[in-house]
Protein backbone atom coordinates (compact mmCIF):
# COMPACT_ATOMS: atom_id res chain seq x y z
CA MET A 1 51.08 61.34 6.86
CA LEU A 2 51.20 62.85 9.87
CA ASP A 3 49.53 60.43 12.54
CA ASP A 4 47.09 61.62 15.40
CA ASP A 5 49.88 61.55 18.16
CA SER A 6 52.22 63.48 16.21
CA ARG A 7 49.89 66.40 15.42
CA THR A 8 49.08 66.11 18.91
CA ALA A 9 52.17 66.57 20.27
CA LEU A 10 53.01 69.16 17.59
CA GLN A 11 49.45 70.99 18.62
CA ASN A 12 50.91 71.16 22.09
CA ALA A 13 53.96 72.27 21.88
CA ARG A 14 56.67 75.00 20.94
CA VAL A 15 57.90 74.59 17.80
CA LEU A 16 60.90 75.61 15.87
CA PHE A 17 61.17 75.47 12.44
CA VAL A 18 64.33 74.76 11.12
CA CYS A 19 64.16 75.72 7.42
CA GLU A 20 66.79 74.73 4.50
CA GLY A 21 66.75 78.02 2.92
CA SER A 22 65.30 81.27 2.10
CA CYS A 23 62.48 79.45 0.11
CA GLU A 24 61.49 76.92 2.72
CA ARG A 25 61.49 80.51 5.38
CA VAL A 26 58.98 82.29 2.65
CA VAL A 27 57.23 79.40 2.40
CA ILE A 28 56.59 78.44 6.31
CA GLU A 29 56.38 82.36 7.33
CA THR A 30 53.66 83.05 4.82
CA LEU A 31 51.76 79.47 5.79
CA LEU A 32 52.20 80.78 9.67
CA ALA A 33 50.85 84.25 8.93
CA ALA A 34 47.94 83.27 7.67
CA ASP A 35 47.19 81.14 10.39
CA LYS A 36 47.20 77.81 7.57
CA LEU A 37 49.55 75.48 9.78
CA ILE A 38 48.33 73.22 12.43
CA ILE A 39 50.60 75.27 14.80
CA ASP A 40 50.37 78.73 15.30
CA GLU A 41 52.79 81.55 15.09
CA GLY A 42 52.35 82.08 18.76
CA ALA A 43 53.39 79.01 19.34
CA ALA A 44 56.66 79.12 17.19
CA ILE A 45 60.06 80.03 18.65
CA ARG A 46 61.83 82.62 17.00
CA ASP A 47 65.38 82.99 16.45
CA THR A 48 67.23 84.89 18.77
CA ILE A 49 68.79 86.75 15.73
CA THR A 50 66.28 87.41 13.13
CA ASP A 51 63.30 87.54 15.55
CA ARG A 52 61.49 85.22 12.99
CA PRO A 53 59.37 82.19 13.52
CA THR A 54 62.11 80.09 11.91
CA THR A 55 65.65 79.60 11.95
CA ASN A 56 68.23 78.45 9.53
CA CYS A 57 70.83 77.24 11.61
CA ARG A 58 70.63 73.01 11.07
CA ALA A 59 73.67 71.75 13.40
CA ALA A 60 71.97 69.80 16.35
CA LYS A 61 74.96 70.81 18.48
CA THR A 62 73.90 74.64 17.54
CA ILE A 63 70.52 74.33 18.01
CA GLN A 64 70.37 72.47 21.83
CA ASP A 65 73.06 75.32 22.69
CA VAL A 66 70.96 78.15 21.40
CA PHE A 67 67.55 76.89 21.31
CA LEU A 68 66.67 74.21 23.67
CA GLY A 69 68.51 75.39 26.98
CA LEU A 70 65.46 78.01 27.78
CA ASP A 71 62.63 77.26 29.77
CA TYR A 72 60.01 77.42 27.12
CA GLU A 73 56.96 75.89 29.98
CA GLN A 74 55.62 73.88 27.17
CA PRO A 75 56.98 70.71 25.56
CA VAL A 76 59.80 71.58 22.39
CA ALA A 77 59.28 70.06 18.75
CA ILE A 78 61.50 70.38 16.13
CA VAL A 79 59.74 70.33 12.28
CA ARG A 80 62.52 70.48 9.85
CA ILE A 81 61.91 71.59 6.38
CA LEU A 82 64.24 69.84 3.88
CA ASP A 83 65.07 67.56 0.62
CA SER A 84 67.52 65.84 1.31
CA ARG A 85 67.05 62.34 3.92
CA LYS A 86 70.63 61.99 4.09
CA GLU A 87 71.22 65.08 6.69
CA GLN A 88 72.44 63.98 9.49
CA PHE A 89 70.56 65.14 12.62
CA HIS A 90 71.46 63.70 16.01
CA LEU A 91 70.70 65.73 19.54
CA SER A 92 72.49 64.39 22.71
CA TYR A 93 70.80 63.09 25.79
CA PRO A 94 68.55 64.58 27.42
CA TYR A 95 66.92 66.18 24.12
CA ASN A 96 66.98 63.19 22.05
CA GLU A 97 64.36 62.02 24.46
CA THR A 98 62.62 64.77 24.98
CA VAL A 99 62.36 66.61 21.98
CA PRO A 100 60.49 64.90 18.96
CA VAL A 101 61.91 65.91 15.48
CA PHE A 102 59.91 65.58 12.25
CA ASN A 103 60.97 66.02 9.28
CA CYS A 104 58.95 67.39 6.16
CA TYR A 105 60.77 66.56 2.96
CA THR A 106 60.20 68.62 -0.78
CA ARG A 107 62.55 66.46 -2.50
CA PRO A 108 64.08 66.85 -5.00
CA GLU A 109 63.57 70.72 -4.34
CA ILE A 110 60.91 73.01 -2.81
CA GLU A 111 60.98 74.64 -6.15
CA MET A 112 59.05 72.04 -7.48
CA LEU A 113 56.00 73.80 -6.28
CA ALA A 114 56.43 76.92 -8.56
CA ILE A 115 56.40 74.56 -11.30
CA ILE A 116 53.28 73.33 -10.45
CA LYS A 117 52.09 77.27 -9.52
CA GLU A 118 52.95 78.07 -12.94
CA ASP A 119 51.48 74.81 -14.25
CA GLU A 120 54.05 73.17 -16.15
CA LEU A 121 54.43 70.16 -14.41
CA GLY A 122 54.42 68.00 -17.60
CA LYS A 123 57.02 69.99 -18.99
CA TYR A 124 59.32 69.61 -16.22
CA ASN A 125 58.70 65.78 -16.22
CA ARG A 126 59.28 65.26 -19.91
CA ARG A 127 62.62 66.95 -19.62
CA ALA A 128 63.37 65.81 -16.34
CA LYS A 129 65.25 63.27 -18.31
CA ASN A 130 68.39 65.29 -18.65
CA LYS A 131 68.31 65.86 -15.04
CA ALA A 132 67.60 69.23 -14.81
CA LYS A 133 67.02 70.90 -10.96
CA PRO A 134 63.70 72.07 -10.56
CA SER A 135 65.39 75.12 -9.44
CA GLU A 136 67.60 75.77 -12.78
CA PHE A 137 64.06 75.02 -14.86
CA CYS A 138 62.43 77.30 -13.02
CA LYS A 139 65.15 79.83 -13.91
CA LYS A 140 66.37 79.01 -17.71
CA THR A 141 62.58 77.90 -18.46
CA LEU A 142 59.88 79.34 -16.59
CA GLY A 143 62.37 82.82 -16.56
CA MET A 144 62.96 82.87 -12.83
CA GLY A 145 66.35 83.98 -12.46
CA ARG A 146 65.71 85.22 -8.55
CA ILE A 147 63.86 82.04 -7.50
CA LYS A 148 66.20 81.33 -4.84
CA ASN A 149 65.92 85.31 -4.15
CA GLU A 150 64.20 85.99 -0.60
CA ALA A 151 62.11 89.24 -1.65
CA PHE A 152 61.27 87.49 -5.08
CA LEU A 153 60.05 84.47 -3.08
CA GLN A 154 58.37 86.52 -0.82
CA ASN A 155 55.77 88.22 -3.04
CA TYR A 156 55.48 85.13 -5.29
CA TRP A 157 54.49 83.23 -2.44
CA SER A 158 52.16 86.08 -1.14
CA ASP A 159 48.78 84.10 -1.61
CA ALA A 160 48.72 81.40 0.80
CA ASP A 161 46.08 79.91 -0.37
CA GLU A 162 47.85 79.03 -3.88
CA LEU A 163 50.18 78.41 -2.05
CA CYS A 164 48.40 75.64 -0.12
CA ARG A 165 47.02 74.78 -3.32
CA CYS A 166 50.30 74.06 -4.77
CA LEU A 167 51.28 71.66 -0.97
CA LEU A 168 48.87 69.93 -1.52
CA GLU A 169 49.20 68.81 -5.17
CA TYR A 170 52.79 68.32 -4.58
CA ARG A 171 52.19 66.10 -1.74
CA ARG A 172 49.21 64.22 -4.11
CA ILE A 173 51.74 63.76 -7.00
CA HIS A 174 55.03 63.16 -4.73
CA LYS A 175 56.04 59.59 -4.54
CA PRO A 176 57.58 59.23 -1.01
CA GLU A 177 60.54 57.48 -0.10
CA GLN A 178 58.74 55.84 3.24
CA LYS A 179 55.84 55.19 4.20
CA ASP A 180 55.82 57.93 7.03
CA GLU A 181 57.60 60.08 5.11
CA LEU A 182 56.20 64.24 5.85
CA THR A 183 56.11 66.84 3.21
CA ILE A 184 54.85 70.72 4.83
CA ALA A 185 51.20 69.91 3.26
CA ASP A 186 50.78 67.28 6.45
CA LEU A 187 51.10 70.00 8.48
CA LEU A 188 48.15 72.22 7.06
CA LYS A 189 45.01 72.68 8.90
């Protein structure tokens, strides 16, 4: 859960959204466009190549070189949307002391949101004994062969209210590994 100090820091900062894949980007961009996050779309730092309010650049060194050397006239924060706790991300001095990094986890995969939307969580959990990844379950069982395709995802997640419902349900059923583990739902208004 996002504490009050972290919430205030994000609301008063320019925010760089670092997204692991296309689904994460679509989810964040849908929420930003619909004004569903505690961060305004205008406060999102735009990717200099794509002009999108998210980036898929995940290397700390590249993020420092491309995004953090600019003058934003406000504090900067980084929000990373990813599914693995194992991914290393270390900013070097002085950024490691001035730029807070928030990690929102979508374990085991963000495709869990589609399983929730399709009301197939019970079926997925029964089949989880065979270790099916959510994306594979979506492809094979739900017939969503394009679950990683950005155009498909933009259409699939076009209803921001439905997306919010799925994010809140994910947070309700998700068992965090650590007490302070964040999910995307923690960024909702």
